[in-house]
Amino acid sequence: MTATATADTTRPDPVARVIAFVRGEAWLLGLLGLLAALLLFTKAIQPNYGATGIQGLALSVLPLALAAVAQAVVVVSGGIDLSIGSMIALTNVVAATQMLGHGPEYAVVVAIGVLLLGTAIGAVNGAVIVATRVADIIVTLAMSFVWAGCALLVLTAPGGSATPWLIALVTGALGNEWLPRG
């Protein structure tokens, strides 16, 4: 004779599930609420603000957001990197000068080269910090001037523009007018 055990298959109350979700995701819901309030406030101030304005904002914020993510990795590990702006400048001018006059098929080579350059720059910063045992804030501040100088060696004057194929790649919408491509 076999005994069969019945499992309790009752579902939790839907209201309790919503309350548990709100408690678990309070920060996310708060940030989404703040974003919605800011968008409503912006729409009230500037009635013609729409998808184009949000695309422009997203494209303008993207480099800063990527730099913040990179800085967050450093800060979480217990350090600080003041040279990140100069590193971005150097990698940008190297990418711009290397793409000039080349077609889109060369973009992968440039992207890989720029990633390797960024990795090498970070490795130099780290090696100087470890070798000299000087505080990371001082080394990265000093190295920011070195990397800014290197960027000036690559491109001596501000200016220039992106290649036409890159402009065509990153402008416009991605399936929806609210989502920018780049």
C-alpha atoms as a PDB file:
ATOM      1  CA  MET A   1       0.000   0.000   0.000  1.00  0.00           C
ATOM      2  CA  THR A   2       1.426   3.327  -1.043  1.00  0.00           C
ATOM      3  CA  ALA A   3       0.659   6.527   0.678  1.00  0.00           C
ATOM      4  CA  THR A   4       0.145   9.545  -1.473  1.00  0.00           C
ATOM      5  CA  ALA A   5       1.001  12.920  -0.069  1.00  0.00           C
ATOM      6  CA  THR A   6      -0.920  15.875  -1.314  1.00  0.00           C
ATOM      7  CA  ALA A   7       1.052  19.017  -1.807  1.00  0.00           C
ATOM      8  CA  ASP A   8      -0.363  22.310  -0.750  1.00  0.00           C
ATOM      9  CA  THR A   9      -0.939  24.020  -4.077  1.00  0.00           C
ATOM     10  CA  THR A  10      -2.645  27.154  -2.860  1.00  0.00           C
ATOM     11  CA  ARG A  11      -1.421  30.331  -4.457  1.00  0.00           C
ATOM     12  CA  PRO A  12      -0.550  33.367  -2.409  1.00  0.00           C
ATOM     13  CA  ASP A  13      -2.991  36.236  -2.415  1.00  0.00           C
ATOM     14  CA  PRO A  14      -2.439  38.542  -5.455  1.00  0.00           C
ATOM     15  CA  VAL A  15      -2.463  41.607  -3.228  1.00  0.00           C
ATOM     16  CA  ALA A  16       0.231  40.059  -1.041  1.00  0.00           C
ATOM     17  CA  ARG A  17       2.325  39.346  -4.141  1.00  0.00           C
ATOM     18  CA  VAL A  18       2.030  42.975  -5.291  1.00  0.00           C
ATOM     19  CA  ILE A  19       2.964  44.242  -1.829  1.00  0.00           C
ATOM     20  CA  ALA A  20       5.974  41.907  -1.735  1.00  0.00           C
ATOM     21  CA  PHE A  21       7.056  43.125  -5.190  1.00  0.00           C
ATOM     22  CA  VAL A  22       6.742  46.787  -4.177  1.00  0.00           C
ATOM     23  CA  ARG A  23       8.763  46.167  -1.010  1.00  0.00           C
ATOM     24  CA  GLY A  24      11.454  44.284  -2.903  1.00  0.00           C
ATOM     25  CA  GLU A  25      11.731  46.788  -5.738  1.00  0.00           C
ATOM     26  CA  ALA A  26      11.103  50.056  -3.879  1.00  0.00           C
ATOM     27  CA  TRP A  27      14.228  51.790  -5.227  1.00  0.00           C
ATOM     28  CA  LEU A  28      13.465  50.826  -8.809  1.00  0.00           C
ATOM     29  CA  LEU A  29       9.860  51.935  -8.524  1.00  0.00           C
ATOM     30  CA  GLY A  30      10.979  55.186  -6.888  1.00  0.00           C
ATOM     31  CA  LEU A  31      13.422  55.883  -9.716  1.00  0.00           C
ATOM     32  CA  LEU A  32      10.787  55.111 -12.340  1.00  0.00           C
ATOM     33  CA  GLY A  33       8.372  57.427 -10.534  1.00  0.00           C
ATOM     34  CA  LEU A  34      10.987  60.177 -10.464  1.00  0.00           C
ATOM     35  CA  LEU A  35      11.664  59.678 -14.173  1.00  0.00           C
ATOM     36  CA  ALA A  36       7.950  59.900 -14.943  1.00  0.00           C
ATOM     37  CA  ALA A  37       7.621  63.058 -12.834  1.00  0.00           C
ATOM     38  CA  LEU A  38      10.593  64.651 -14.600  1.00  0.00           C
ATOM     39  CA  LEU A  39       9.163  63.790 -18.017  1.00  0.00           C
ATOM     40  CA  LEU A  40       5.788  65.258 -17.052  1.00  0.00           C
ATOM     41  CA  PHE A  41       7.471  68.389 -15.698  1.00  0.00           C
ATOM     42  CA  THR A  42       9.521  68.729 -18.884  1.00  0.00           C
ATOM     43  CA  LYS A  43       6.391  68.285 -21.012  1.00  0.00           C
ATOM     44  CA  ALA A  44       4.616  70.992 -18.975  1.00  0.00           C
ATOM     45  CA  ILE A  45       7.510  73.423 -19.426  1.00  0.00           C
ATOM     46  CA  GLN A  46       8.172  72.591 -23.075  1.00  0.00           C
ATOM     47  CA  PRO A  47       4.986  71.297 -24.760  1.00  0.00           C
ATOM     48  CA  ASN A  48       6.716  70.228 -27.989  1.00  0.00           C
ATOM     49  CA  TYR A  49       9.122  67.889 -26.138  1.00  0.00           C
ATOM     50  CA  GLY A  50       8.714  64.386 -27.496  1.00  0.00           C
ATOM     51  CA  ALA A  51      10.510  61.428 -28.990  1.00  0.00           C
ATOM     52  CA  THR A  52      13.162  63.556 -30.709  1.00  0.00           C
ATOM     53  CA  GLY A  53      14.040  65.299 -27.455  1.00  0.00           C
ATOM     54  CA  ILE A  54      14.323  62.003 -25.599  1.00  0.00           C
ATOM     55  CA  GLN A  55      16.527  60.583 -28.372  1.00  0.00           C
ATOM     56  CA  GLY A  56      18.785  63.621 -28.208  1.00  0.00           C
ATOM     57  CA  LEU A  57      18.993  63.347 -24.443  1.00  0.00           C
ATOM     58  CA  ALA A  58      19.781  59.637 -24.589  1.00  0.00           C
ATOM     59  CA  LEU A  59      22.541  60.164 -27.146  1.00  0.00           C
ATOM     60  CA  SER A  60      23.998  63.039 -25.139  1.00  0.00           C
ATOM     61  CA  VAL A  61      23.981  61.093 -21.880  1.00  0.00           C
ATOM     62  CA  LEU A  62      25.326  57.817 -23.279  1.00  0.00           C
ATOM     63  CA  PRO A  63      29.071  58.654 -23.070  1.00  0.00           C
ATOM     64  CA  LEU A  64      28.678  59.933 -19.514  1.00  0.00           C
ATOM     65  CA  ALA A  65      26.661  56.848 -18.545  1.00  0.00           C
ATOM     66  CA  LEU A  66      29.337  54.531 -19.945  1.00  0.00           C
ATOM     67  CA  ALA A  67      32.034  56.476 -18.087  1.00  0.00           C
ATOM     68  CA  ALA A  68      29.972  56.212 -14.889  1.00  0.00           C
ATOM     69  CA  VAL A  69      29.709  52.441 -15.310  1.00  0.00           C
ATOM     70  CA  ALA A  70      33.477  52.199 -15.784  1.00  0.00           C
ATOM     71  CA  GLN A  71      34.075  54.431 -12.764  1.00  0.00           C
ATOM     72  CA  ALA A  72      31.629  52.370 -10.707  1.00  0.00           C
ATOM     73  CA  VAL A  73      33.719  49.255 -11.306  1.00  0.00           C
ATOM     74  CA  VAL A  74      36.786  51.074  -9.995  1.00  0.00           C
ATOM     75  CA  VAL A  75      34.966  52.554  -6.997  1.00  0.00           C
ATOM     76  CA  VAL A  76      33.397  49.216  -6.045  1.00  0.00           C
ATOM     77  CA  SER A  77      36.873  47.688  -6.016  1.00  0.00           C
ATOM     78  CA  GLY A  78      37.990  50.393  -3.580  1.00  0.00           C
ATOM     79  CA  GLY A  79      39.740  52.916  -5.810  1.00  0.00           C
ATOM     80  CA  ILE A  80      39.178  56.042  -7.826  1.00  0.00           C
ATOM     81  CA  ASP A  81      40.187  56.929 -11.384  1.00  0.00           C
ATOM     82  CA  LEU A  82      40.467  60.596 -12.275  1.00  0.00           C
ATOM     83  CA  SER A  83      41.978  59.893 -15.688  1.00  0.00           C
ATOM     84  CA  ILE A  84      38.840  58.425 -17.243  1.00  0.00           C
ATOM     85  CA  GLY A  85      37.941  61.629 -19.108  1.00  0.00           C
ATOM     86  CA  SER A  86      41.375  61.855 -20.701  1.00  0.00           C
ATOM     87  CA  MET A  87      41.292  58.151 -21.511  1.00  0.00           C
ATOM     88  CA  ILE A  88      37.971  58.649 -23.311  1.00  0.00           C
ATOM     89  CA  ALA A  89      39.410  61.620 -25.183  1.00  0.00           C
ATOM     90  CA  LEU A  90      42.456  59.629 -26.287  1.00  0.00           C
ATOM     91  CA  THR A  91      40.472  56.617 -27.447  1.00  0.00           C
ATOM     92  CA  ASN A  92      38.005  58.888 -29.267  1.00  0.00           C
ATOM     93  CA  VAL A  93      40.672  60.748 -31.221  1.00  0.00           C
ATOM     94  CA  VAL A  94      42.440  57.495 -32.075  1.00  0.00           C
ATOM     95  CA  ALA A  95      39.174  55.988 -33.320  1.00  0.00           C
ATOM     96  CA  ALA A  96      38.290  59.131 -35.282  1.00  0.00           C
ATOM     97  CA  THR A  97      41.658  59.371 -36.990  1.00  0.00           C
ATOM     98  CA  GLN A  98      41.717  55.658 -37.815  1.00  0.00           C
ATOM     99  CA  MET A  99      38.203  55.636 -39.315  1.00  0.00           C
ATOM    100  CA  LEU A 100      38.864  58.677 -41.485  1.00  0.00           C
ATOM    101  CA  GLY A 101      38.762  57.630 -45.113  1.00  0.00           C
ATOM    102  CA  HIS A 102      37.826  54.011 -44.412  1.00  0.00           C
ATOM    103  CA  GLY A 103      34.573  52.206 -45.008  1.00  0.00           C
ATOM    104  CA  PRO A 104      32.317  50.463 -42.529  1.00  0.00           C
ATOM    105  CA  GLU A 105      34.148  47.153 -42.953  1.00  0.00           C
ATOM    106  CA  TYR A 106      37.121  48.729 -41.158  1.00  0.00           C
ATOM    107  CA  ALA A 107      34.985  49.598 -38.099  1.00  0.00           C
ATOM    108  CA  VAL A 108      35.508  46.211 -36.435  1.00  0.00           C
ATOM    109  CA  VAL A 109      39.277  46.608 -36.677  1.00  0.00           C
ATOM    110  CA  VAL A 110      39.059  50.104 -35.203  1.00  0.00           C
ATOM    111  CA  ALA A 111      36.718  48.963 -32.410  1.00  0.00           C
ATOM    112  CA  ILE A 112      39.019  46.107 -31.435  1.00  0.00           C
ATOM    113  CA  GLY A 113      42.039  48.415 -31.599  1.00  0.00           C
ATOM    114  CA  VAL A 114      40.354  51.032 -29.410  1.00  0.00           C
ATOM    115  CA  LEU A 115      39.307  48.395 -26.861  1.00  0.00           C
ATOM    116  CA  LEU A 116      42.883  47.122 -26.732  1.00  0.00           C
ATOM    117  CA  LEU A 117      44.149  50.701 -26.361  1.00  0.00           C
ATOM    118  CA  GLY A 118      41.743  51.330 -23.479  1.00  0.00           C
ATOM    119  CA  THR A 119      42.842  48.098 -21.833  1.00  0.00           C
ATOM    120  CA  ALA A 120      46.509  49.058 -22.239  1.00  0.00           C
ATOM    121  CA  ILE A 121      45.889  52.527 -20.793  1.00  0.00           C
ATOM    122  CA  GLY A 122      44.138  51.024 -17.778  1.00  0.00           C
ATOM    123  CA  ALA A 123      46.957  48.525 -17.348  1.00  0.00           C
ATOM    124  CA  VAL A 124      49.538  51.326 -17.398  1.00  0.00           C
ATOM    125  CA  ASN A 125      47.559  53.228 -14.755  1.00  0.00           C
ATOM    126  CA  GLY A 126      47.342  50.109 -12.603  1.00  0.00           C
ATOM    127  CA  ALA A 127      51.008  49.238 -13.087  1.00  0.00           C
ATOM    128  CA  VAL A 128      52.100  52.733 -12.057  1.00  0.00           C
ATOM    129  CA  ILE A 129      49.906  52.560  -8.947  1.00  0.00           C
ATOM    130  CA  VAL A 130      51.298  49.152  -7.966  1.00  0.00           C
ATOM    131  CA  ALA A 131      54.930  49.914  -8.842  1.00  0.00           C
ATOM    132  CA  THR A 132      55.127  53.309  -7.138  1.00  0.00           C
ATOM    133  CA  ARG A 133      52.742  52.540  -4.247  1.00  0.00           C
ATOM    134  CA  VAL A 134      51.375  56.063  -4.614  1.00  0.00           C
ATOM    135  CA  ALA A 135      47.684  56.628  -3.905  1.00  0.00           C
ATOM    136  CA  ASP A 136      45.473  55.904  -6.895  1.00  0.00           C
ATOM    137  CA  ILE A 137      43.866  59.347  -6.812  1.00  0.00           C
ATOM    138  CA  ILE A 138      47.271  61.006  -7.264  1.00  0.00           C
ATOM    139  CA  VAL A 139      48.502  58.629  -9.973  1.00  0.00           C
ATOM    140  CA  THR A 140      45.301  58.843 -12.006  1.00  0.00           C
ATOM    141  CA  LEU A 141      45.240  62.637 -11.699  1.00  0.00           C
ATOM    142  CA  ALA A 142      48.792  62.796 -13.026  1.00  0.00           C
ATOM    143  CA  MET A 143      48.079  60.227 -15.726  1.00  0.00           C
ATOM    144  CA  SER A 144      45.047  62.228 -16.851  1.00  0.00           C
ATOM    145  CA  PHE A 145      47.468  64.927 -17.997  1.00  0.00           C
ATOM    146  CA  VAL A 146      49.615  62.322 -19.749  1.00  0.00           C
ATOM    147  CA  TRP A 147      46.632  60.845 -21.624  1.00  0.00           C
ATOM    148  CA  ALA A 148      45.308  64.315 -22.508  1.00  0.00           C
ATOM    149  CA  GLY A 149      48.741  65.149 -23.907  1.00  0.00           C
ATOM    150  CA  CYS A 150      48.748  61.938 -25.927  1.00  0.00           C
ATOM    151  CA  ALA A 151      45.321  62.870 -27.309  1.00  0.00           C
ATOM    152  CA  LEU A 152      46.762  66.232 -28.392  1.00  0.00           C
ATOM    153  CA  LEU A 153      49.620  64.431 -30.108  1.00  0.00           C
ATOM    154  CA  VAL A 154      47.140  62.350 -32.102  1.00  0.00           C
ATOM    155  CA  LEU A 155      44.835  65.254 -33.023  1.00  0.00           C
ATOM    156  CA  THR A 156      46.464  68.639 -32.446  1.00  0.00           C
ATOM    157  CA  ALA A 157      43.349  70.798 -32.782  1.00  0.00           C
ATOM    158  CA  PRO A 158      39.735  70.197 -31.876  1.00  0.00           C
ATOM    159  CA  GLY A 159      37.452  69.545 -34.773  1.00  0.00           C
ATOM    160  CA  GLY A 160      36.629  67.032 -37.394  1.00  0.00           C
ATOM    161  CA  SER A 161      33.542  64.942 -37.748  1.00  0.00           C
ATOM    162  CA  ALA A 162      32.472  61.345 -37.821  1.00  0.00           C
ATOM    163  CA  THR A 163      32.595  59.451 -41.072  1.00  0.00           C
ATOM    164  CA  PRO A 164      29.326  59.455 -43.054  1.00  0.00           C
ATOM    165  CA  TRP A 165      28.690  55.733 -42.574  1.00  0.00           C
ATOM    166  CA  LEU A 166      28.980  56.095 -38.795  1.00  0.00           C
ATOM    167  CA  ILE A 167      26.570  59.028 -38.770  1.00  0.00           C
ATOM    168  CA  ALA A 168      24.094  56.983 -40.807  1.00  0.00           C
ATOM    169  CA  LEU A 169      24.522  54.070 -38.395  1.00  0.00           C
ATOM    170  CA  VAL A 170      23.771  55.967 -35.187  1.00  0.00           C
ATOM    171  CA  THR A 171      21.109  58.431 -36.291  1.00  0.00           C
ATOM    172  CA  GLY A 172      17.456  57.629 -36.535  1.00  0.00           C
ATOM    173  CA  ALA A 173      15.178  55.319 -34.635  1.00  0.00           C
ATOM    174  CA  LEU A 174      15.526  51.642 -33.849  1.00  0.00           C
ATOM    175  CA  GLY A 175      12.177  50.117 -34.739  1.00  0.00           C
ATOM    176  CA  ASN A 176      10.325  52.685 -32.650  1.00  0.00           C
ATOM    177  CA  GLU A 177      10.528  56.451 -32.679  1.00  0.00           C
ATOM    178  CA  TRP A 178      11.151  56.444 -28.903  1.00  0.00           C
ATOM    179  CA  LEU A 179      14.250  54.229 -29.126  1.00  0.00           C
ATOM    180  CA  PRO A 180      17.389  55.801 -30.606  1.00  0.00           C
ATOM    181  CA  ARG A 181      19.747  53.585 -32.537  1.00  0.00           C
ATOM    182  CA  GLY A 182      22.949  54.636 -30.843  1.00  0.00           C
END
